[in-house]
């Protein structure tokens, strides 16, 4: 399993790229999604999930754009009620990525 932190100092923000056996998950993507797409393409991996763990007004996420470009699913916590296609995960729900 590969885990990369993508830290943006000016925003004090960390995103994560996790990959295993040809599948990847992105946690809290920045607005600019090309680096995630390129990283997955270079590894011959498919982005399967985009986890949004800190959705709030002072951060612009690229989750919707990334989901469209990667044909991936967006995942929020159990209390989320997005007005677009996404998974509102249940407590203790398991999401498998690669092996």
C-alpha atoms as a PDB file:
ATOM      1  CA  UNK A   1       0.000   0.000   0.000  1.00  0.00           C
ATOM      2  CA  UNK A   2       1.237   3.476  -0.883  1.00  0.00           C
ATOM      3  CA  UNK A   3       0.246   6.448   1.248  1.00  0.00           C
ATOM      4  CA  UNK A   4       1.298   9.962   0.202  1.00  0.00           C
ATOM      5  CA  UNK A   5       0.550  13.126   2.108  1.00  0.00           C
ATOM      6  CA  UNK A   6       0.173  16.188  -0.103  1.00  0.00           C
ATOM      7  CA  UNK A   7       0.689  19.152   2.182  1.00  0.00           C
ATOM      8  CA  UNK A   8      -0.008  22.751   1.193  1.00  0.00           C
ATOM      9  CA  UNK A   9       1.695  25.011   3.709  1.00  0.00           C
ATOM     10  CA  UNK A  10      -0.034  28.251   2.722  1.00  0.00           C
ATOM     11  CA  UNK A  11      -3.378  26.643   3.564  1.00  0.00           C
ATOM     12  CA  UNK A  12      -2.101  24.444   6.400  1.00  0.00           C
ATOM     13  CA  UNK A  13      -3.929  21.636   4.604  1.00  0.00           C
ATOM     14  CA  UNK A  14      -3.034  17.992   4.052  1.00  0.00           C
ATOM     15  CA  UNK A  15      -4.607  15.782   1.422  1.00  0.00           C
ATOM     16  CA  UNK A  16      -3.846  12.083   1.151  1.00  0.00           C
ATOM     17  CA  UNK A  17      -3.392   9.712  -1.777  1.00  0.00           C
ATOM     18  CA  UNK A  18      -3.730   6.036  -0.851  1.00  0.00           C
ATOM     19  CA  UNK A  19      -3.167   3.319  -3.423  1.00  0.00           C
ATOM     20  CA  UNK A  20      -3.168  -0.469  -3.418  1.00  0.00           C
ATOM     21  CA  UNK A  21      -3.232  -2.985  -6.261  1.00  0.00           C
ATOM     22  CA  UNK A  22      -4.463  -0.621  -8.956  1.00  0.00           C
ATOM     23  CA  UNK A  23      -7.057   1.261  -6.889  1.00  0.00           C
ATOM     24  CA  UNK A  24      -6.711   4.608  -5.138  1.00  0.00           C
ATOM     25  CA  UNK A  25      -8.562   6.795  -2.670  1.00  0.00           C
ATOM     26  CA  UNK A  26      -8.093  10.511  -2.176  1.00  0.00           C
ATOM     27  CA  UNK A  27      -8.783  12.201   1.147  1.00  0.00           C
ATOM     28  CA  UNK A  28      -9.652  15.909   1.253  1.00  0.00           C
ATOM     29  CA  UNK A  29      -8.499  16.913  -2.240  1.00  0.00           C
ATOM     30  CA  UNK A  30      -7.360  20.414  -3.017  1.00  0.00           C
ATOM     31  CA  UNK A  31      -9.256  22.386  -5.678  1.00  0.00           C
ATOM     32  CA  UNK A  32      -6.628  21.571  -8.328  1.00  0.00           C
ATOM     33  CA  UNK A  33      -7.245  17.913  -9.202  1.00  0.00           C
ATOM     34  CA  UNK A  34      -4.692  17.300 -11.960  1.00  0.00           C
ATOM     35  CA  UNK A  35      -1.941  16.101  -9.569  1.00  0.00           C
ATOM     36  CA  UNK A  36      -4.204  13.307  -8.261  1.00  0.00           C
ATOM     37  CA  UNK A  37      -5.210  12.259 -11.757  1.00  0.00           C
ATOM     38  CA  UNK A  38      -1.577  12.253 -12.926  1.00  0.00           C
ATOM     39  CA  UNK A  39      -0.400  10.296  -9.876  1.00  0.00           C
ATOM     40  CA  UNK A  40      -3.061   7.628 -10.484  1.00  0.00           C
ATOM     41  CA  UNK A  41      -2.344   7.504 -14.215  1.00  0.00           C
ATOM     42  CA  UNK A  42       1.399   7.143 -13.607  1.00  0.00           C
ATOM     43  CA  UNK A  43       0.691   4.228 -11.219  1.00  0.00           C
ATOM     44  CA  UNK A  44      -1.885   2.700 -13.600  1.00  0.00           C
ATOM     45  CA  UNK A  45      -4.452   3.001 -10.800  1.00  0.00           C
ATOM     46  CA  UNK A  46      -8.130   3.939 -10.796  1.00  0.00           C
ATOM     47  CA  UNK A  47      -9.339   6.474  -8.252  1.00  0.00           C
ATOM     48  CA  UNK A  48     -12.233   4.660  -6.610  1.00  0.00           C
ATOM     49  CA  UNK A  49     -13.210   6.941  -3.706  1.00  0.00           C
ATOM     50  CA  UNK A  50     -12.849  10.570  -2.710  1.00  0.00           C
ATOM     51  CA  UNK A  51     -13.297  11.034   1.017  1.00  0.00           C
ATOM     52  CA  UNK A  52     -14.313  14.480   2.227  1.00  0.00           C
ATOM     53  CA  UNK A  53     -13.572  14.645   5.950  1.00  0.00           C
ATOM     54  CA  UNK A  54     -13.593  18.369   6.681  1.00  0.00           C
ATOM     55  CA  UNK A  55     -16.160  20.076   4.507  1.00  0.00           C
ATOM     56  CA  UNK A  56     -16.462  23.692   5.638  1.00  0.00           C
ATOM     57  CA  UNK A  57     -16.754  27.216   4.296  1.00  0.00           C
ATOM     58  CA  UNK A  58     -13.091  28.281   4.462  1.00  0.00           C
ATOM     59  CA  UNK A  59     -11.783  25.584   2.114  1.00  0.00           C
ATOM     60  CA  UNK A  60     -12.511  24.982  -1.574  1.00  0.00           C
ATOM     61  CA  UNK A  61     -12.277  21.292  -2.364  1.00  0.00           C
ATOM     62  CA  UNK A  62     -11.893  19.648  -5.759  1.00  0.00           C
ATOM     63  CA  UNK A  63     -13.976  16.621  -4.796  1.00  0.00           C
ATOM     64  CA  UNK A  64     -16.801  17.188  -7.292  1.00  0.00           C
ATOM     65  CA  UNK A  65     -14.478  17.923 -10.203  1.00  0.00           C
ATOM     66  CA  UNK A  66     -12.219  14.988  -9.295  1.00  0.00           C
ATOM     67  CA  UNK A  67     -15.195  12.612  -8.991  1.00  0.00           C
ATOM     68  CA  UNK A  68     -16.374  13.564 -12.485  1.00  0.00           C
ATOM     69  CA  UNK A  69     -12.934  13.275 -14.092  1.00  0.00           C
ATOM     70  CA  UNK A  70     -12.027  10.003 -12.350  1.00  0.00           C
ATOM     71  CA  UNK A  71     -15.520   8.475 -12.351  1.00  0.00           C
ATOM     72  CA  UNK A  72     -15.107   8.006  -8.598  1.00  0.00           C
ATOM     73  CA  UNK A  73     -17.518   8.076  -5.669  1.00  0.00           C
ATOM     74  CA  UNK A  74     -17.548  10.900  -3.111  1.00  0.00           C
ATOM     75  CA  UNK A  75     -17.859   9.803   0.507  1.00  0.00           C
ATOM     76  CA  UNK A  76     -18.992  11.991   3.422  1.00  0.00           C
ATOM     77  CA  UNK A  77     -19.685  11.252   7.058  1.00  0.00           C
ATOM     78  CA  UNK A  78     -23.048   9.899   8.236  1.00  0.00           C
ATOM     79  CA  UNK A  79     -24.723  13.266   8.866  1.00  0.00           C
ATOM     80  CA  UNK A  80     -24.000  14.716   5.412  1.00  0.00           C
ATOM     81  CA  UNK A  81     -26.867  15.597   3.120  1.00  0.00           C
ATOM     82  CA  UNK A  82     -25.256  16.698  -0.153  1.00  0.00           C
ATOM     83  CA  UNK A  83     -27.444  17.834  -3.029  1.00  0.00           C
ATOM     84  CA  UNK A  84     -25.443  15.757  -5.516  1.00  0.00           C
ATOM     85  CA  UNK A  85     -24.561  12.076  -5.886  1.00  0.00           C
ATOM     86  CA  UNK A  86     -22.445  10.979  -2.908  1.00  0.00           C
ATOM     87  CA  UNK A  87     -22.293   8.348  -0.216  1.00  0.00           C
ATOM     88  CA  UNK A  88     -23.180   9.325   3.341  1.00  0.00           C
ATOM     89  CA  UNK A  89     -21.135   6.647   5.089  1.00  0.00           C
ATOM     90  CA  UNK A  90     -22.542   4.808   8.050  1.00  0.00           C
ATOM     91  CA  UNK A  91     -20.587   4.363  11.277  1.00  0.00           C
ATOM     92  CA  UNK A  92     -18.158   1.448  10.917  1.00  0.00           C
ATOM     93  CA  UNK A  93     -18.811   1.115   7.179  1.00  0.00           C
ATOM     94  CA  UNK A  94     -15.844  -0.431   5.344  1.00  0.00           C
ATOM     95  CA  UNK A  95     -14.535   0.900   2.017  1.00  0.00           C
ATOM     96  CA  UNK A  96     -12.121  -1.437   0.274  1.00  0.00           C
ATOM     97  CA  UNK A  97      -9.297  -0.064  -1.851  1.00  0.00           C
ATOM     98  CA  UNK A  98      -7.054  -2.532  -3.648  1.00  0.00           C
ATOM     99  CA  UNK A  99      -5.715  -5.272  -1.397  1.00  0.00           C
END
